[in-house]
N, C-alpha and C. Protein backbone atom coordinates (compact mmCIF):
# COMPACT_ATOMS: atom_id res chain seq x y z
N UNK A 1 -4.05 -17.98 62.95
CA UNK A 1 -3.73 -17.79 61.75
C UNK A 1 -2.74 -16.89 60.96
N UNK A 2 -2.13 -17.38 60.33
CA UNK A 2 -0.76 -16.68 59.57
C UNK A 2 -1.22 -16.53 58.24
N UNK A 3 -1.09 -15.40 57.90
CA UNK A 3 -1.29 -15.04 56.60
C UNK A 3 -0.15 -15.19 55.62
N UNK A 4 -0.16 -15.88 54.55
CA UNK A 4 1.02 -16.15 53.52
C UNK A 4 1.05 -14.59 52.65
N UNK A 5 2.47 -14.42 52.51
CA UNK A 5 2.38 -13.24 51.60
C UNK A 5 1.93 -13.56 50.09
N UNK A 6 1.33 -12.29 49.51
CA UNK A 6 0.63 -12.42 47.96
C UNK A 6 1.72 -12.39 47.38
N UNK A 7 1.22 -12.46 46.04
CA UNK A 7 2.03 -12.78 44.99
C UNK A 7 2.89 -11.03 44.48
N UNK A 8 2.19 -10.35 44.99
CA UNK A 8 2.67 -9.04 44.66
C UNK A 8 3.74 -8.73 45.64
N UNK A 9 3.60 -9.03 46.84
CA UNK A 9 4.37 -8.87 48.30
C UNK A 9 5.63 -9.29 47.89
N UNK A 10 5.62 -10.98 47.44
CA UNK A 10 7.13 -11.77 47.24
C UNK A 10 7.56 -11.02 45.94
N UNK A 11 7.01 -10.63 44.97
CA UNK A 11 7.51 -9.92 43.87
C UNK A 11 8.42 -8.66 44.21
N UNK A 12 7.49 -7.99 45.04
CA UNK A 12 8.25 -6.74 45.36
C UNK A 12 9.35 -6.70 46.44
N UNK A 13 9.28 -7.92 46.98
CA UNK A 13 10.75 -8.04 48.08
C UNK A 13 11.53 -8.73 47.02
N UNK A 14 11.20 -9.52 45.95
CA UNK A 14 12.48 -10.09 45.02
C UNK A 14 12.80 -8.98 44.22
N UNK A 15 12.12 -7.90 43.68
CA UNK A 15 12.64 -6.79 43.48
C UNK A 15 13.69 -6.03 43.90
N UNK A 16 13.16 -5.71 45.31
CA UNK A 16 13.82 -4.76 46.36
C UNK A 16 15.34 -5.65 46.51
N UNK A 17 15.45 -7.06 46.60
CA UNK A 17 16.57 -7.87 46.90
C UNK A 17 17.59 -7.45 45.95
N UNK A 18 17.09 -7.91 44.44
CA UNK A 18 17.87 -7.71 43.14
C UNK A 18 18.23 -6.39 43.31
N UNK A 19 17.44 -5.19 43.38
CA UNK A 19 18.00 -3.80 43.47
C UNK A 19 19.18 -3.42 44.32
N UNK A 20 19.23 -4.04 45.55
CA UNK A 20 20.19 -3.84 46.51
C UNK A 20 21.40 -4.46 46.06
N UNK A 21 21.72 -5.37 44.95
CA UNK A 21 22.79 -6.01 44.69
C UNK A 21 23.45 -5.13 43.69
N UNK A 22 22.94 -3.96 43.27
CA UNK A 22 23.47 -3.38 42.19
C UNK A 22 24.36 -1.99 43.03
N UNK A 23 25.51 -1.51 42.69
CA UNK A 23 26.14 -0.70 43.46
C UNK A 23 26.76 0.13 42.14
N UNK A 24 27.16 1.47 42.48
CA UNK A 24 27.80 2.38 41.90
C UNK A 24 29.19 1.66 40.89
N UNK A 25 29.75 1.20 41.78
CA UNK A 25 30.91 0.15 41.05
C UNK A 25 30.57 -1.23 40.15
N UNK A 26 29.38 -1.43 40.21
CA UNK A 26 29.35 -2.80 39.63
C UNK A 26 28.61 -2.24 38.26
N UNK A 27 28.34 -0.98 38.09
CA UNK A 27 27.75 -0.59 36.75
C UNK A 27 28.97 -0.38 35.74
N UNK A 28 29.09 -0.76 34.56
CA UNK A 28 29.88 -0.41 33.84
C UNK A 28 29.78 1.40 33.18
N UNK A 29 31.21 1.79 32.93
CA UNK A 29 30.94 3.37 32.37
C UNK A 29 30.17 3.32 31.09
N UNK A 30 29.45 4.55 30.66
CA UNK A 30 28.77 4.56 29.66
C UNK A 30 29.24 4.85 28.38
N UNK A 31 28.93 4.38 27.34
CA UNK A 31 29.37 4.62 26.29
C UNK A 31 29.14 5.89 25.76
N UNK A 32 30.65 6.52 24.84
CA UNK A 32 30.05 8.01 24.51
C UNK A 32 29.36 8.04 23.53
N UNK A 33 28.55 8.92 22.97
CA UNK A 33 27.52 9.13 22.16
C UNK A 33 28.36 9.28 20.56
N UNK A 34 27.75 8.55 19.81
CA UNK A 34 28.32 8.29 18.45
C UNK A 34 27.33 9.10 17.49
N UNK A 35 28.31 9.46 16.54
CA UNK A 35 27.30 10.12 15.35
C UNK A 35 26.79 9.34 14.46
N UNK A 36 25.41 9.68 14.17
CA UNK A 36 24.38 9.00 13.33
C UNK A 36 25.20 8.78 12.13
N UNK A 37 25.22 7.34 11.36
CA UNK A 37 25.81 7.34 10.10
C UNK A 37 24.57 7.06 9.14
N UNK A 38 24.63 7.19 7.98
CA UNK A 38 23.69 6.66 7.14
C UNK A 38 24.19 5.49 6.73
N UNK A 39 23.27 4.39 6.70
CA UNK A 39 23.55 3.06 6.17
C UNK A 39 23.21 2.79 4.81
N UNK A 40 23.64 1.81 4.38
CA UNK A 40 23.19 1.57 2.57
C UNK A 40 21.82 1.41 2.71
N UNK A 41 20.95 0.68 3.72
CA UNK A 41 19.51 0.86 3.36
C UNK A 41 18.93 2.09 3.49
N UNK A 42 19.25 2.97 4.62
CA UNK A 42 18.88 4.24 4.50
C UNK A 42 19.02 5.10 3.15
N UNK A 43 20.27 4.87 2.44
CA UNK A 43 20.49 5.65 1.34
C UNK A 43 19.70 5.32 0.16
N UNK A 44 19.51 3.80 0.11
CA UNK A 44 18.86 3.33 -0.97
C UNK A 44 17.33 3.58 -0.80
N UNK A 45 16.65 3.65 0.35
CA UNK A 45 15.49 4.08 0.47
C UNK A 45 15.38 5.18 0.10
N UNK A 46 16.04 6.36 0.63
CA UNK A 46 16.15 7.56 0.12
C UNK A 46 16.12 7.91 -1.30
N UNK A 47 16.92 7.27 -1.87
CA UNK A 47 17.06 7.45 -3.41
C UNK A 47 15.93 6.83 -4.19
N UNK A 48 15.46 5.66 -3.79
CA UNK A 48 13.99 5.34 -4.46
C UNK A 48 12.79 6.29 -3.96
N UNK A 49 12.64 6.93 -2.73
CA UNK A 49 11.65 7.86 -2.37
C UNK A 49 11.47 8.66 -3.63
N UNK A 50 13.08 9.64 -3.78
CA UNK A 50 13.06 10.70 -4.73
C UNK A 50 12.95 10.34 -5.95
N UNK A 51 13.22 8.80 -6.35
CA UNK A 51 12.92 8.63 -7.82
C UNK A 51 11.41 8.73 -7.95
N UNK A 52 10.82 8.12 -6.89
CA UNK A 52 9.78 7.88 -7.31
C UNK A 52 8.75 9.05 -6.98
N UNK A 53 9.33 10.11 -6.32
CA UNK A 53 8.57 11.51 -6.37
C UNK A 53 8.99 12.16 -7.67
N UNK A 54 9.66 12.01 -8.29
CA UNK A 54 10.08 12.84 -9.42
C UNK A 54 9.39 12.04 -10.72
N UNK A 55 9.42 10.54 -10.75
CA UNK A 55 8.47 10.30 -11.48
C UNK A 55 6.93 10.15 -11.67
N UNK A 56 6.30 10.38 -10.33
CA UNK A 56 4.92 10.72 -10.14
C UNK A 56 4.86 12.20 -10.66
N UNK A 57 5.65 13.09 -10.27
CA UNK A 57 5.64 14.53 -10.88
C UNK A 57 5.56 14.66 -12.39
N UNK A 58 6.47 13.98 -12.97
CA UNK A 58 6.51 13.49 -14.26
C UNK A 58 5.45 13.15 -15.27
N UNK A 59 4.69 12.20 -14.58
CA UNK A 59 3.52 11.63 -14.89
C UNK A 59 2.30 12.33 -14.78
N UNK A 60 2.30 13.48 -13.55
CA UNK A 60 1.23 14.24 -13.37
C UNK A 60 1.13 15.41 -14.23
N UNK A 61 2.45 15.58 -14.51
CA UNK A 61 2.34 16.93 -15.65
C UNK A 61 2.08 16.50 -17.03
N UNK A 62 2.59 15.50 -17.51
CA UNK A 62 2.29 14.75 -18.85
C UNK A 62 0.60 14.52 -18.89
N UNK A 63 0.19 14.22 -17.80
CA UNK A 63 -1.33 14.01 -17.89
C UNK A 63 -2.07 15.15 -17.61
N UNK A 64 -1.85 16.34 -16.84
CA UNK A 64 -2.39 17.36 -16.60
C UNK A 64 -2.27 18.64 -17.61
N UNK A 65 -0.86 18.58 -18.50
CA UNK A 65 -0.80 19.94 -19.03
C UNK A 65 -1.21 19.73 -20.53
N UNK A 66 -1.96 20.79 -20.94
CA UNK A 66 -2.50 20.85 -22.08
C UNK A 66 -1.22 20.36 -23.23
N UNK A 67 -1.43 19.79 -24.34
CA UNK A 67 -0.45 19.04 -25.46
C UNK A 67 -0.71 20.23 -26.52
N UNK A 68 0.46 20.51 -27.14
CA UNK A 68 0.31 21.59 -28.07
C UNK A 68 0.40 20.61 -29.34
N UNK A 69 -0.33 20.95 -30.38
CA UNK A 69 -0.38 20.24 -31.71
C UNK A 69 0.56 20.46 -32.57
N UNK A 70 1.36 19.72 -32.80
CA UNK A 70 2.72 19.80 -33.80
C UNK A 70 2.17 19.79 -35.25
N UNK A 71 0.96 19.40 -35.70
CA UNK A 71 0.49 19.15 -37.07
C UNK A 71 0.34 20.53 -37.42
N UNK A 72 0.72 20.93 -38.92
CA UNK A 72 0.41 22.22 -39.48
C UNK A 72 -1.21 22.42 -39.72
N UNK A 73 -1.87 23.56 -39.17
CA UNK A 73 -3.14 23.92 -39.36
C UNK A 73 -3.26 24.52 -40.52
N UNK A 74 -4.13 24.40 -41.42
CA UNK A 74 -4.57 25.02 -42.64
C UNK A 74 -5.45 26.31 -42.59
N UNK A 75 -5.61 26.60 -41.02
CA UNK A 75 -6.67 27.47 -41.12
C UNK A 75 -5.87 29.00 -40.22
N UNK A 76 -4.50 28.82 -40.53
CA UNK A 76 -3.88 30.07 -39.93
C UNK A 76 -3.89 31.33 -41.03
N UNK A 77 -3.14 32.22 -40.62
CA UNK A 77 -3.20 33.39 -41.64
C UNK A 77 -2.75 33.23 -42.91
N UNK A 78 -3.23 33.97 -43.91
CA UNK A 78 -2.47 33.72 -45.15
C UNK A 78 -3.18 32.59 -45.93
N UNK A 79 -4.00 31.47 -45.47
CA UNK A 79 -4.05 30.22 -45.99
C UNK A 79 -5.96 30.47 -46.22
N UNK A 80 -6.13 31.44 -46.63
CA UNK A 80 -7.66 31.58 -46.80
C UNK A 80 -8.17 31.05 -47.69
N UNK A 81 -9.66 31.03 -48.34
CA UNK A 81 -9.86 30.14 -49.25
C UNK A 81 -9.21 31.03 -50.77
N UNK A 82 -8.64 30.23 -51.73
CA UNK A 82 -8.46 30.86 -53.19
C UNK A 82 -9.27 31.34 -53.60
N UNK A 83 -9.02 32.88 -54.35
CA UNK A 83 -10.02 33.45 -55.18
C UNK A 83 -9.68 33.54 -56.52
């Protein structure tokens, strides 16, 4: 009784045969490294993030800082009861 090769064995043999086809001469030269450039999306995303952070900080300051009353208060010095 002969045993037929299983899926794993056939797959391994096919991959080995394919790997044997690759030689150093068949590989293209590597591309030189390129400097990373900022695209329009990246700039727009950064500007929106900074704007959002500034607006959130401004809203937080307006909500949490105590407000000064700008109306004149009659209880100041020199405005005591008239005699």
